[in-house]
Protein backbone atom coordinates (compact mmCIF):
# COMPACT_ATOMS: atom_id res chain seq x y z
CA UNK A 1 -11.09 -136.75 103.01
CA UNK A 2 -11.25 -132.87 103.46
CA UNK A 3 -10.07 -133.30 107.24
CA UNK A 4 -7.26 -135.63 105.96
CA UNK A 5 -6.20 -133.40 103.29
CA UNK A 6 -6.11 -130.48 105.68
CA UNK A 7 -4.48 -132.34 108.42
CA UNK A 8 -1.63 -133.38 105.80
CA UNK A 9 -1.82 -129.62 104.73
CA UNK A 10 -0.97 -128.57 108.14
CA UNK A 11 1.85 -130.90 108.95
CA UNK A 12 3.41 -130.18 105.26
CA UNK A 13 3.06 -126.36 106.43
CA UNK A 14 4.42 -127.08 109.64
CA UNK A 15 7.09 -128.85 108.33
CA UNK A 16 8.21 -126.47 105.64
CA UNK A 17 8.50 -123.89 108.47
CA UNK A 18 10.19 -125.81 110.72
CA UNK A 19 12.94 -126.54 107.88
CA UNK A 20 16.14 -124.88 108.71
CA UNK A 21 17.76 -122.14 106.90
CA UNK A 22 21.37 -122.67 105.53
CA UNK A 23 23.49 -120.00 106.96
CA UNK A 24 24.84 -118.64 103.20
CA UNK A 25 21.55 -117.08 102.92
CA UNK A 26 22.66 -114.66 105.57
CA UNK A 27 25.56 -113.61 103.58
CA UNK A 28 24.62 -110.52 101.08
CA UNK A 29 26.30 -108.11 98.72
CA UNK A 30 26.62 -105.98 101.76
CA UNK A 31 28.61 -108.52 103.36
CA UNK A 32 32.71 -106.96 103.75
CA UNK A 33 35.55 -109.03 102.85
CA UNK A 34 38.05 -108.75 105.95
CA UNK A 35 40.71 -110.09 103.54
CA UNK A 36 42.80 -107.79 101.75
CA UNK A 37 45.75 -107.03 103.96
CA UNK A 38 46.31 -110.27 105.51
CA UNK A 39 49.05 -112.48 104.63
CA UNK A 40 51.16 -109.83 103.05
CA UNK A 41 54.59 -109.05 105.15
CA UNK A 42 55.75 -105.23 105.37
CA UNK A 43 58.91 -106.69 107.14
CA UNK A 44 58.78 -103.36 109.25
CA UNK A 45 61.12 -102.90 112.35
CA UNK A 46 59.73 -102.70 115.88
CA UNK A 47 58.27 -99.39 117.08
CA UNK A 48 55.41 -98.78 120.12
CA UNK A 49 51.98 -98.79 119.15
CA UNK A 50 49.85 -96.74 121.34
CA UNK A 51 52.56 -97.34 124.05
CA UNK A 52 52.36 -101.11 123.76
CA UNK A 53 55.18 -103.58 121.57
CA UNK A 54 58.03 -102.27 122.88
CA UNK A 55 61.14 -102.60 120.27
CA UNK A 56 62.89 -104.17 123.35
CA UNK A 57 60.16 -107.21 123.65
CA UNK A 58 61.48 -108.41 120.42
CA UNK A 59 62.22 -112.16 120.34
CA UNK A 60 62.54 -114.31 117.67
CA UNK A 61 60.72 -117.63 117.65
CA UNK A 62 63.45 -119.78 119.75
CA UNK A 63 62.48 -123.08 118.04
CA UNK A 64 61.22 -124.14 114.78
CA UNK A 65 59.36 -127.43 113.92
CA UNK A 66 60.27 -130.01 111.88
CA UNK A 67 58.65 -128.98 108.68
CA UNK A 68 56.36 -131.29 107.46
CA UNK A 69 55.68 -130.02 103.68
CA UNK A 70 54.10 -131.45 100.78
CA UNK A 71 54.04 -131.06 97.13
CA UNK A 72 51.44 -133.91 96.33
CA UNK A 73 47.76 -134.30 97.65
CA UNK A 74 47.74 -138.37 98.27
CA UNK A 75 44.11 -138.55 97.80
CA UNK A 76 44.54 -137.07 94.03
CA UNK A 77 41.96 -134.77 94.65
CA UNK A 78 39.04 -137.43 95.74
CA UNK A 79 36.58 -135.04 98.28
CA UNK A 80 35.66 -137.26 100.77
CA UNK A 81 34.27 -135.35 104.20
CA UNK A 82 34.83 -131.74 102.24
CA UNK A 83 31.64 -130.96 100.89
CA UNK A 84 29.62 -132.32 104.42
CA UNK A 85 27.12 -129.57 106.09
CA UNK A 86 28.21 -129.16 109.54
CA UNK A 87 26.47 -131.96 111.85
CA UNK A 88 23.21 -131.01 113.53
CA UNK A 89 24.39 -130.77 116.83
CA UNK A 90 25.13 -127.45 118.71
CA UNK A 91 24.76 -123.58 119.07
CA UNK A 92 26.08 -123.18 115.45
CA UNK A 93 22.62 -124.99 114.17
CA UNK A 94 20.35 -122.11 115.33
CA UNK A 95 19.78 -118.09 115.10
CA UNK A 96 16.91 -115.78 116.01
CA UNK A 97 15.07 -117.01 112.73
CA UNK A 98 15.48 -120.58 114.06
CA UNK A 99 17.05 -123.93 113.01
CA UNK A 100 20.21 -123.14 110.56
CA UNK A 101 22.50 -125.39 108.54
CA UNK A 102 25.76 -124.06 108.61
CA UNK A 103 26.91 -125.24 105.27
CA UNK A 104 30.02 -123.69 104.97
CA UNK A 105 31.46 -124.10 101.05
CA UNK A 106 29.70 -127.39 100.77
CA UNK A 107 28.56 -125.57 97.43
CA UNK A 108 31.48 -124.43 95.54
CA UNK A 109 31.75 -124.86 91.74
CA UNK A 110 34.64 -126.97 90.62
CA UNK A 111 36.58 -123.56 90.45
CA UNK A 112 36.49 -122.98 94.07
CA UNK A 113 37.66 -126.50 95.35
CA UNK A 114 41.04 -125.53 96.13
CA UNK A 115 44.19 -127.44 97.49
CA UNK A 116 46.95 -125.46 99.08
CA UNK A 117 50.35 -126.68 100.22
CA UNK A 118 51.86 -123.05 101.21
CA UNK A 119 50.87 -119.97 102.74
CA UNK A 120 50.97 -118.15 99.69
CA UNK A 121 48.29 -120.36 97.88
CA UNK A 122 45.70 -120.32 100.84
CA UNK A 123 46.00 -116.55 100.87
CA UNK A 124 45.20 -116.70 97.07
CA UNK A 125 42.63 -118.94 97.33
CA UNK A 126 40.81 -116.74 99.80
CA UNK A 127 41.30 -113.69 97.43
CA UNK A 128 39.70 -115.05 94.54
CA UNK A 129 36.70 -116.98 95.67
CA UNK A 130 35.88 -113.70 98.29
CA UNK A 131 32.63 -114.73 99.54
CA UNK A 132 31.64 -117.03 97.64
CA UNK A 133 31.01 -120.73 98.63
CA UNK A 134 34.75 -122.39 98.71
CA UNK A 135 36.49 -125.45 99.49
CA UNK A 136 40.15 -124.90 100.66
CA UNK A 137 42.07 -128.31 101.13
CA UNK A 138 45.13 -128.20 103.27
CA UNK A 139 47.76 -130.59 102.67
CA UNK A 140 51.15 -130.49 104.86
CA UNK A 141 52.37 -127.19 106.73
CA UNK A 142 51.42 -123.94 106.52
CA UNK A 143 54.13 -121.32 107.81
CA UNK A 144 53.17 -117.33 106.13
CA UNK A 145 57.19 -116.98 107.41
CA UNK A 146 57.76 -118.85 104.45
CA UNK A 147 57.48 -117.91 100.48
CA UNK A 148 58.62 -119.07 97.13
CA UNK A 149 57.04 -122.23 97.19
CA UNK A 150 58.34 -123.08 100.99
CA UNK A 151 61.70 -122.57 100.08
CA UNK A 152 62.42 -118.83 101.65
CA UNK A 153 62.20 -118.56 105.31
CA UNK A 154 62.43 -115.03 107.09
CA UNK A 155 60.80 -114.65 111.03
CA UNK A 156 58.32 -112.21 111.61
CA UNK A 157 60.15 -108.89 112.03
CA UNK A 158 57.90 -106.62 114.41
CA UNK A 159 53.98 -106.68 115.59
CA UNK A 160 53.11 -105.16 112.76
CA UNK A 161 54.78 -107.61 110.41
CA UNK A 162 53.13 -110.28 112.05
CA UNK A 163 49.88 -109.18 112.93
CA UNK A 164 49.13 -108.33 109.03
CA UNK A 165 51.30 -110.57 107.21
CA UNK A 166 51.13 -113.44 110.11
CA UNK A 167 47.45 -113.72 109.90
CA UNK A 168 44.90 -115.60 107.63
CA UNK A 169 41.33 -113.97 107.55
CA UNK A 170 38.68 -116.41 106.36
CA UNK A 171 35.50 -115.03 104.79
CA UNK A 172 32.17 -115.85 104.41
CA UNK A 173 31.17 -119.31 103.54
CA UNK A 174 34.11 -121.22 103.81
CA UNK A 175 35.22 -124.94 104.39
CA UNK A 176 39.17 -125.11 105.40
CA UNK A 177 39.67 -128.58 106.05
CA UNK A 178 43.53 -130.35 106.47
CA UNK A 179 43.92 -133.74 104.40
CA UNK A 180 46.02 -136.13 106.24
CA UNK A 181 49.28 -135.88 103.82
CA UNK A 182 51.22 -139.31 102.31
CA UNK A 183 52.56 -140.24 106.01
CA UNK A 184 49.02 -140.28 107.18
CA UNK A 185 49.99 -136.79 109.63
CA UNK A 186 47.39 -134.24 109.99
CA UNK A 187 47.75 -130.50 107.88
CA UNK A 188 49.59 -128.29 110.44
CA UNK A 189 49.59 -124.54 110.69
CA UNK A 190 52.38 -123.12 112.32
CA UNK A 191 53.19 -119.29 112.85
CA UNK A 192 50.22 -118.23 111.41
CA UNK A 193 47.08 -116.82 113.49
CA UNK A 194 43.76 -117.99 111.89
CA UNK A 195 41.24 -115.26 112.02
CA UNK A 196 37.10 -115.71 111.65
CA UNK A 197 35.70 -112.51 111.38
CA UNK A 198 37.16 -108.82 112.75
CA UNK A 199 35.14 -106.08 114.36
CA UNK A 200 34.80 -103.67 111.97
CA UNK A 201 32.80 -100.15 111.60
CA UNK A 202 30.29 -99.73 108.51
CA UNK A 203 32.59 -97.54 106.38
CA UNK A 204 36.12 -96.77 106.69
CA UNK A 205 37.14 -94.36 109.45
CA UNK A 206 33.77 -95.09 110.97
CA UNK A 207 33.49 -96.43 115.23
CA UNK A 208 32.40 -100.17 115.32
CA UNK A 209 30.39 -99.60 118.53
CA UNK A 210 28.96 -96.50 117.40
CA UNK A 211 27.76 -97.75 114.35
CA UNK A 212 26.29 -100.78 115.91
CA UNK A 213 24.81 -98.92 118.48
CA UNK A 214 23.01 -96.37 115.87
CA UNK A 215 22.00 -99.71 114.00
CA UNK A 216 20.16 -100.89 117.21
CA UNK A 217 18.51 -97.53 118.17
CA UNK A 218 17.18 -97.73 114.62
CA UNK A 219 15.51 -100.41 115.11
CA UNK A 220 17.38 -102.59 112.62
CA UNK A 221 18.24 -106.21 113.16
CA UNK A 222 21.29 -106.69 115.03
CA UNK A 223 21.25 -110.03 113.33
CA UNK A 224 21.62 -108.29 109.42
CA UNK A 225 24.45 -106.21 110.59
CA UNK A 226 26.16 -106.20 107.63
CA UNK A 227 29.87 -107.02 109.31
CA UNK A 228 29.47 -110.48 110.25
CA UNK A 229 31.30 -113.09 108.96
CA UNK A 230 29.25 -116.22 108.53
CA UNK A 231 28.85 -119.67 107.94
CA UNK A 232 32.38 -121.23 108.12
CA UNK A 233 33.85 -124.93 108.73
CA UNK A 234 37.12 -125.51 110.27
CA UNK A 235 38.16 -129.14 110.55
CA UNK A 236 41.22 -131.43 110.92
CA UNK A 237 43.80 -128.94 111.53
CA UNK A 238 46.58 -129.06 113.94
CA UNK A 239 46.79 -125.31 114.53
CA UNK A 240 50.39 -124.37 116.66
CA UNK A 241 49.61 -120.87 118.37
CA UNK A 242 51.77 -118.45 117.33
CA UNK A 243 54.94 -117.24 119.02
CA UNK A 244 54.55 -113.29 119.55
CA UNK A 245 57.98 -111.59 118.83
CA UNK A 246 57.20 -108.35 119.58
CA UNK A 247 54.24 -108.48 122.36
CA UNK A 248 51.86 -105.92 123.78
CA UNK A 249 53.76 -105.78 127.32
CA UNK A 250 55.03 -108.29 129.95
CA UNK A 251 51.81 -109.72 130.52
CA UNK A 252 49.99 -109.81 127.23
CA UNK A 253 50.76 -111.27 124.03
CA UNK A 254 48.32 -110.26 120.64
CA UNK A 255 48.10 -113.64 118.37
CA UNK A 256 45.85 -116.56 119.24
CA UNK A 257 45.49 -119.97 117.51
CA UNK A 258 42.34 -118.73 116.09
CA UNK A 259 39.86 -115.44 116.86
CA UNK A 260 36.36 -115.65 116.02
CA UNK A 261 35.66 -112.26 116.12
CA UNK A 262 31.94 -110.85 114.80
CA UNK A 263 31.17 -114.21 113.48
CA UNK A 264 27.99 -116.02 113.38
CA UNK A 265 27.36 -119.64 112.41
CA UNK A 266 30.96 -121.42 112.75
CA UNK A 267 31.87 -124.91 113.21
CA UNK A 268 35.20 -125.55 114.48
CA UNK A 269 35.77 -129.51 114.68
CA UNK A 270 38.70 -131.97 115.18
CA UNK A 271 41.19 -129.57 115.62
CA UNK A 272 44.51 -129.94 117.52
CA UNK A 273 45.51 -126.56 119.41
CA UNK A 274 48.71 -126.55 120.84
CA UNK A 275 51.91 -123.92 121.63
CA UNK A 276 53.98 -126.45 119.44
CA UNK A 277 57.49 -126.22 119.83
CA UNK A 278 57.51 -122.52 121.46
CA UNK A 279 56.14 -123.15 124.57
CA UNK A 280 55.89 -120.15 127.10
CA UNK A 281 59.05 -121.46 129.01
CA UNK A 282 61.40 -120.36 126.18
CA UNK A 283 60.73 -117.01 126.69
CA UNK A 284 63.70 -115.02 128.37
CA UNK A 285 64.09 -111.51 130.06
CA UNK A 286 61.28 -109.37 131.25
CA UNK A 287 58.67 -110.36 128.54
CA UNK A 288 57.32 -114.08 129.32
CA UNK A 289 54.16 -113.72 127.42
CA UNK A 290 54.47 -114.94 124.59
CA UNK A 291 51.19 -116.63 123.79
CA UNK A 292 47.62 -115.39 123.81
CA UNK A 293 44.62 -117.25 123.40
CA UNK A 294 44.37 -120.96 121.69
CA UNK A 295 40.70 -120.37 120.77
CA UNK A 296 38.60 -117.29 121.89
CA UNK A 297 35.32 -116.49 120.46
CA UNK A 298 34.70 -112.99 121.14
CA UNK A 299 33.32 -109.34 120.06
CA UNK A 300 29.55 -110.48 119.80
CA UNK A 301 30.31 -113.21 117.96
CA UNK A 302 27.39 -116.10 118.00
CA UNK A 303 26.59 -119.50 117.16
CA UNK A 304 29.34 -121.40 117.36
CA UNK A 305 30.39 -125.10 118.07
CA UNK A 306 33.89 -126.26 119.06
CA UNK A 307 33.83 -129.82 119.11
CA UNK A 308 36.02 -132.92 119.25
CA UNK A 309 39.04 -130.78 119.45
CA UNK A 310 42.28 -131.07 121.80
CA UNK A 311 43.78 -128.58 123.92
CA UNK A 312 47.46 -128.87 125.19
CA UNK A 313 50.47 -126.98 126.08
CA UNK A 314 49.18 -123.50 126.52
CA UNK A 315 48.32 -121.01 129.20
CA UNK A 316 45.48 -118.48 128.32
CA UNK A 317 43.16 -121.68 126.50
CA UNK A 318 39.59 -121.26 125.65
CA UNK A 319 37.95 -117.85 126.02
CA UNK A 320 34.71 -116.46 125.66
CA UNK A 321 33.62 -113.17 126.00
CA UNK A 322 36.97 -110.50 126.34
CA UNK A 323 35.38 -108.07 128.56
CA UNK A 324 33.06 -106.68 131.17
CA UNK A 325 31.06 -104.07 131.43
CA UNK A 326 32.47 -101.98 127.99
CA UNK A 327 31.62 -105.05 126.10
CA UNK A 328 27.99 -105.32 126.68
CA UNK A 329 26.64 -103.04 124.01
CA UNK A 330 28.33 -106.16 121.34
CA UNK A 331 28.04 -109.15 123.79
CA UNK A 332 24.81 -108.96 125.90
CA UNK A 333 22.17 -111.92 124.54
CA UNK A 334 25.27 -113.11 122.10
CA UNK A 335 27.91 -115.86 122.55
CA UNK A 336 25.65 -118.88 122.24
CA UNK A 337 28.56 -121.36 122.55
CA UNK A 338 29.07 -124.77 122.85
CA UNK A 339 31.96 -127.31 123.94
CA UNK A 340 31.09 -131.02 123.17
CA UNK A 341 33.80 -134.00 123.09
CA UNK A 342 36.73 -132.20 123.30
CA UNK A 343 39.90 -133.01 125.43
CA UNK A 344 41.85 -130.33 127.46
CA UNK A 345 45.01 -132.11 128.99
CA UNK A 346 47.95 -130.23 129.89
CA UNK A 347 46.70 -126.66 129.71
CA UNK A 348 46.72 -123.86 132.36
CA UNK A 349 43.22 -122.02 132.60
CA UNK A 350 40.25 -120.97 130.83
CA UNK A 351 38.77 -124.70 130.13
CA UNK A 352 36.69 -121.68 129.13
CA UNK A 353 36.68 -118.32 130.64
CA UNK A 354 33.38 -116.84 130.02
CA UNK A 355 31.76 -113.83 130.18
CA UNK A 356 28.08 -113.08 128.94
CA UNK A 357 28.16 -116.29 126.85
CA UNK A 358 25.36 -118.75 126.97
CA UNK A 359 27.41 -121.87 127.25
CA UNK A 360 26.51 -125.29 126.93
CA UNK A 361 29.30 -127.62 127.60
CA UNK A 362 28.94 -131.55 127.81
CA UNK A 363 30.65 -134.85 127.25
CA UNK A 364 34.16 -132.80 127.56
CA UNK A 365 37.06 -133.95 129.20
CA UNK A 366 39.90 -132.15 131.38
CA UNK A 367 43.30 -134.03 132.44
CA UNK A 368 45.93 -131.75 134.28
CA UNK A 369 48.48 -131.76 137.09
CA UNK A 370 48.99 -129.19 139.47
CA UNK A 371 51.90 -131.23 140.75
CA UNK A 372 53.95 -130.96 138.19
CA UNK A 373 57.31 -128.76 137.85
CA UNK A 374 56.36 -128.28 134.24
CA UNK A 375 55.11 -125.14 133.99
CA UNK A 376 54.19 -125.27 130.31
CA UNK A 377 51.50 -127.82 131.07
CA UNK A 378 50.48 -127.29 135.03
CA UNK A 379 46.86 -126.94 135.75
CA UNK A 380 45.92 -123.81 137.63
CA UNK A 381 42.00 -123.77 136.72
CA UNK A 382 39.23 -125.20 134.52
CA UNK A 383 35.69 -123.81 134.20
CA UNK A 384 35.44 -120.08 135.11
CA UNK A 385 31.82 -118.63 134.96
CA UNK A 386 32.04 -114.70 134.89
CA UNK A 387 30.26 -111.40 134.20
CA UNK A 388 26.80 -112.14 133.13
CA UNK A 389 27.07 -115.72 131.87
CA UNK A 390 24.82 -118.31 131.84
CA UNK A 391 26.43 -121.80 131.74
CA UNK A 392 25.19 -125.26 131.57
CA UNK A 393 27.61 -128.43 132.48
CA UNK A 394 26.72 -131.75 131.48
CA UNK A 395 28.63 -134.98 132.43
CA UNK A 396 32.43 -134.15 131.83
CA UNK A 397 34.85 -136.36 133.20
CA UNK A 398 37.86 -134.33 135.00
CA UNK A 399 40.99 -136.35 136.03
CA UNK A 400 43.29 -133.92 138.11
CA UNK A 401 46.49 -135.17 139.76
CA UNK A 402 47.28 -133.55 143.13
CA UNK A 403 43.62 -132.05 143.67
CA UNK A 404 41.78 -133.11 146.96
CA UNK A 405 37.77 -133.02 146.63
CA UNK A 406 37.25 -130.73 148.96
CA UNK A 407 39.39 -128.58 146.47
CA UNK A 408 37.58 -129.50 143.52
CA UNK A 409 35.23 -126.93 143.68
CA UNK A 410 36.89 -123.33 143.38
CA UNK A 411 40.37 -124.81 141.52
CA UNK A 412 38.02 -126.95 138.39
CA UNK A 413 35.08 -125.12 138.39
CA UNK A 414 34.53 -121.43 139.60
CA UNK A 415 32.43 -118.48 139.04
CA UNK A 416 31.45 -115.09 140.24
CA UNK A 417 29.42 -111.98 138.25
CA UNK A 418 27.45 -114.75 136.82
CA UNK A 419 23.37 -114.39 135.99
CA UNK A 420 23.49 -118.35 135.97
CA UNK A 421 24.96 -121.69 136.37
CA UNK A 422 24.11 -125.07 135.99
CA UNK A 423 26.30 -128.17 136.06
CA UNK A 424 25.55 -131.90 136.83
CA UNK A 425 26.80 -135.46 135.98
CA UNK A 426 30.31 -135.15 136.11
CA UNK A 427 33.31 -137.69 137.23
CA UNK A 428 36.03 -136.27 139.38
CA UNK A 429 39.02 -138.47 139.59
CA UNK A 430 42.60 -138.27 141.06
CA UNK A 431 44.98 -139.46 143.38
CA UNK A 432 44.22 -137.66 146.65
CA UNK A 433 40.63 -138.02 145.91
CA UNK A 434 40.22 -141.06 144.49
CA UNK A 435 37.03 -141.39 142.08
CA UNK A 436 34.00 -139.31 142.93
CA UNK A 437 30.39 -138.60 141.25
CA UNK A 438 29.88 -135.11 141.58
CA UNK A 439 27.54 -132.34 140.02
CA UNK A 440 30.15 -129.41 139.87
CA UNK A 441 27.19 -127.12 141.11
CA UNK A 442 29.92 -125.85 143.84
CA UNK A 443 27.43 -123.68 145.43
CA UNK A 444 26.65 -121.30 142.12
CA UNK A 445 23.40 -119.92 141.96
CA UNK A 446 21.64 -121.53 139.27
CA UNK A 447 19.24 -118.99 136.33
CA UNK A 448 16.34 -117.68 137.96
CA UNK A 449 13.07 -118.35 135.76
CA UNK A 450 13.54 -115.46 133.44
CA UNK A 451 16.96 -116.82 132.38
CA UNK A 452 16.29 -120.10 132.30
CA UNK A 453 17.16 -121.74 129.04
CA UNK A 454 17.00 -125.24 127.46
CA UNK A 455 19.32 -126.37 124.13
CA UNK A 456 17.30 -125.75 121.12
CA UNK A 457 19.04 -128.35 119.64
CA UNK A 458 19.17 -132.02 119.92
CA UNK A 459 21.83 -134.00 121.40
CA UNK A 460 23.22 -137.12 122.18
CA UNK A 461 24.42 -137.29 126.00
CA UNK A 462 27.19 -139.77 127.27
CA UNK A 463 27.48 -140.71 130.77
CA UNK A 464 30.87 -138.76 132.06
CA UNK A 465 32.41 -142.20 132.45
CA UNK A 466 31.94 -143.19 128.54
CA UNK A 467 33.52 -139.76 128.22
CA UNK A 468 36.76 -140.41 129.40
CA UNK A 469 37.64 -143.40 126.89
CA UNK A 470 35.54 -141.83 123.77
CA UNK A 471 36.99 -138.67 123.80
CA UNK A 472 40.57 -139.54 123.32
CA UNK A 473 39.84 -141.75 120.35
CA UNK A 474 37.96 -139.14 118.67
CA UNK A 475 39.63 -135.49 119.61
CA UNK A 476 41.80 -133.93 117.54
CA UNK A 477 43.32 -134.09 114.13
CA UNK A 478 43.91 -136.46 112.00
CA UNK A 479 41.15 -138.33 113.29
CA UNK A 480 38.26 -137.39 111.50
CA UNK A 481 36.21 -140.04 109.57
């Protein structure tokens, strides 16, 4: 009997030890709010900023969408999936302390559940709730260029006006979800950059790099660094990447559709990201680049999952790690990111481009065409393992018109400067190759024993053939069930 009790005690202790940590507990009084300046227009004139953003580059968005503004919540405020924590598959479920539950705003009080119909309501909800658990439900169409209950439209006037007034920064412990409108259309965000975190110093006037290096030198836990944004869920939204009215230079725009920067334990699910009504081909004159990333995970962010999402009509699509050696101080050993059940369709490149990241990709679908004359959707390159990255690719499906089997490596999968690459179980099909089972290893070196890793979370791996039909049926906004 005593042995049985002892064994049971050991089992219970083990189970308790293995119980996941709610990511909301990582958010403390020292976690900063990074929301204050965002969403407030300044209507400033274009000026040079550090030699960039030439006023001559200014060009208003050449086309506006068919707006789908709403004033009525078709659900009557009844919650369905909004209180759900993130599912238990993906890097978002982990930390250096063990297993994690990304709860977002699932514990929100009744007065911290918001339904918003315009940009000003969205900004007000964020500012009121701060880092408290909150659920923000978006119905209709959000665009910060509109004000006064979506009755007054004013284009961004400069880089400064767009950078601050055209961005929304989500604080910790947030669930941001789109609610399909009365016509069944998913909620949509246009002309507005969605920020999750930002690289900040510990005190105003400080230097983020100096502060973080000192924190580590002093023997403190990098995971506990105060300026991380933590515990966020974003689901069921259409995101139109912003048209940059005043870009950096002829080759570089500024704003992304979604930027995850200095953030941890983030789950992004069932989003649709594209250039919307303003593809790059509408740019004229010298300044041809009007969009930056579709969805970027950068600046030391960690434990992020992007799932069941769709990307189309974009050039620099998905980026993990935005710099090489100069970012080692923040990125080395971080940038754990999962891409699962996503669809890249008619995008140019970066599927993803990865620096430093320990990236797991499984059951994704990539469809494209290298022969089309439409530069907005022409395929250029796929997965790109770059500096100090360590990638694991499993059972993806690639359908790329115009690519020969001999061209698959180097065109669809490529890399240089990485520390480890593993790839297997894929299907590649094209009009010039037929259908082929490929491993996608492409002669790239596997990690040595010191850099070998296994995903610490459970995941159900489908065959690549199953991925081809399953992903289009579920990826993107409006399909969340």
